[in-house]
C-alpha atoms as a PDB file:
ATOM      1  CA  MET A   1      97.337  95.298  -7.608  1.00  0.00           C
ATOM      2  CA  ASP A   2      93.513  95.038  -7.734  1.00  0.00           C
ATOM      3  CA  ILE A   3      93.393  91.677  -6.121  1.00  0.00           C
ATOM      4  CA  THR A   4      95.629  92.958  -3.105  1.00  0.00           C
ATOM      5  CA  ASN A   5      93.217  95.802  -2.752  1.00  0.00           C
ATOM      6  CA  TYR A   6      90.540  93.485  -2.650  1.00  0.00           C
ATOM      7  CA  PHE A   7      91.970  91.058  -0.070  1.00  0.00           C
ATOM      8  CA  VAL A   8      93.031  94.144   2.129  1.00  0.00           C
ATOM      9  CA  GLY A   9      89.385  95.302   2.031  1.00  0.00           C
ATOM     10  CA  LEU A  10      87.877  91.861   2.598  1.00  0.00           C
ATOM     11  CA  LEU A  11      90.192  91.283   5.809  1.00  0.00           C
ATOM     12  CA  THR A  12      89.452  94.776   7.133  1.00  0.00           C
ATOM     13  CA  GLY A  13      85.698  94.344   6.483  1.00  0.00           C
ATOM     14  CA  VAL A  14      85.881  90.945   8.370  1.00  0.00           C
ATOM     15  CA  SER A  15      87.994  92.455  11.246  1.00  0.00           C
ATOM     16  CA  VAL A  16      85.309  95.254  11.720  1.00  0.00           C
ATOM     17  CA  THR A  17      82.385  92.843  11.666  1.00  0.00           C
ATOM     18  CA  THR A  18      84.199  90.763  14.051  1.00  0.00           C
ATOM     19  CA  PHE A  19      84.844  93.606  16.359  1.00  0.00           C
ATOM     20  CA  PHE A  20      81.191  94.486  16.465  1.00  0.00           C
ATOM     21  CA  ILE A  21      79.809  91.152  16.888  1.00  0.00           C
ATOM     22  CA  GLY A  22      82.107  90.421  19.572  1.00  0.00           C
ATOM     23  CA  LYS A  23      81.396  93.556  21.196  1.00  0.00           C
ATOM     24  CA  GLU A  24      77.539  92.684  21.164  1.00  0.00           C
ATOM     25  CA  TRP A  25      78.321  89.458  22.320  1.00  0.00           C
ATOM     26  CA  TYR A  26      80.449  90.666  25.362  1.00  0.00           C
ATOM     27  CA  LYS A  27      77.563  93.173  26.055  1.00  0.00           C
ATOM     28  CA  TYR A  28      75.084  90.104  26.151  1.00  0.00           C
ATOM     29  CA  TYR A  29      77.461  88.175  28.458  1.00  0.00           C
ATOM     30  CA  THR A  30      77.884  90.784  30.974  1.00  0.00           C
ATOM     31  CA  LYS A  31      74.096  91.542  31.014  1.00  0.00           C
ATOM     32  CA  TYR A  32      73.238  87.943  31.433  1.00  0.00           C
ATOM     33  CA  THR A  33      75.990  87.198  34.159  1.00  0.00           C
ATOM     34  CA  ILE A  34      74.963  90.360  36.233  1.00  0.00           C
ATOM     35  CA  GLN A  35      71.437  89.353  36.016  1.00  0.00           C
ATOM     36  CA  GLN A  36      72.078  85.622  37.011  1.00  0.00           C
ATOM     37  CA  LYS A  37      74.032  86.743  39.838  1.00  0.00           C
ATOM     38  CA  GLN A  38      71.257  89.003  41.071  1.00  0.00           C
ATOM     39  CA  LEU A  39      68.778  86.094  40.633  1.00  0.00           C
ATOM     40  CA  ASP A  40      70.940  83.848  42.732  1.00  0.00           C
ATOM     41  CA  ARG A  41      71.062  86.352  45.449  1.00  0.00           C
ATOM     42  CA  LEU A  42      67.218  86.858  45.470  1.00  0.00           C
ATOM     43  CA  LEU A  43      66.643  83.025  45.702  1.00  0.00           C
ATOM     44  CA  LYS A  44      69.276  82.651  48.300  1.00  0.00           C
ATOM     45  CA  LEU A  45      67.553  85.393  50.362  1.00  0.00           C
ATOM     46  CA  ASN A  46      64.146  83.900  49.606  1.00  0.00           C
ATOM     47  CA  ASP A  47      65.298  80.719  51.173  1.00  0.00           C
ATOM     48  CA  LYS A  48      66.483  82.438  54.247  1.00  0.00           C
ATOM     49  CA  ILE A  49      63.317  84.174  54.827  1.00  0.00           C
ATOM     50  CA  LYS A  50      61.289  81.019  54.281  1.00  0.00           C
ATOM     51  CA  LYS A  51      63.631  79.187  56.700  1.00  0.00           C
ATOM     52  CA  ILE A  52      63.016  82.210  59.257  1.00  0.00           C
ATOM     53  CA  LYS A  53      59.278  82.059  58.811  1.00  0.00           C
ATOM     54  CA  HIS A  54      59.230  78.287  59.228  1.00  0.00           C
ATOM     55  CA  LEU A  55      61.449  78.243  62.369  1.00  0.00           C
ATOM     56  CA  SER A  56      59.203  81.226  63.773  1.00  0.00           C
ATOM     57  CA  SER A  57      56.037  79.437  62.902  1.00  0.00           C
ATOM     58  CA  THR A  58      57.278  76.181  64.588  1.00  0.00           C
ATOM     59  CA  GLY A  59      58.553  78.238  67.651  1.00  0.00           C
ATOM     60  CA  THR A  60      55.076  79.787  68.061  1.00  0.00           C
ATOM     61  CA  SER A  61      53.246  76.592  67.631  1.00  0.00           C
ATOM     62  CA  ASN A  62      55.245  74.857  70.324  1.00  0.00           C
ATOM     63  CA  LEU A  63      54.598  77.937  72.705  1.00  0.00           C
ATOM     64  CA  ASN A  64      50.778  77.627  72.066  1.00  0.00           C
ATOM     65  CA  VAL A  65      50.722  73.735  72.458  1.00  0.00           C
ATOM     66  CA  GLY A  66      52.936  73.971  75.750  1.00  0.00           C
END
């Protein structure tokens, strides 16, 4: 009977530990993916701004030269 109680307690402890570790991993994963998506959006926006600035600077230089 003692060994059965030992294994039940061990299984319960492992299950609870796994639950909390999984919860923390999921929290880290969601935080990381949200930050990664925000970073991708910012990089894409930055590229668009650079492209617009480049196009506007070449457009004004053509007007000045002409």
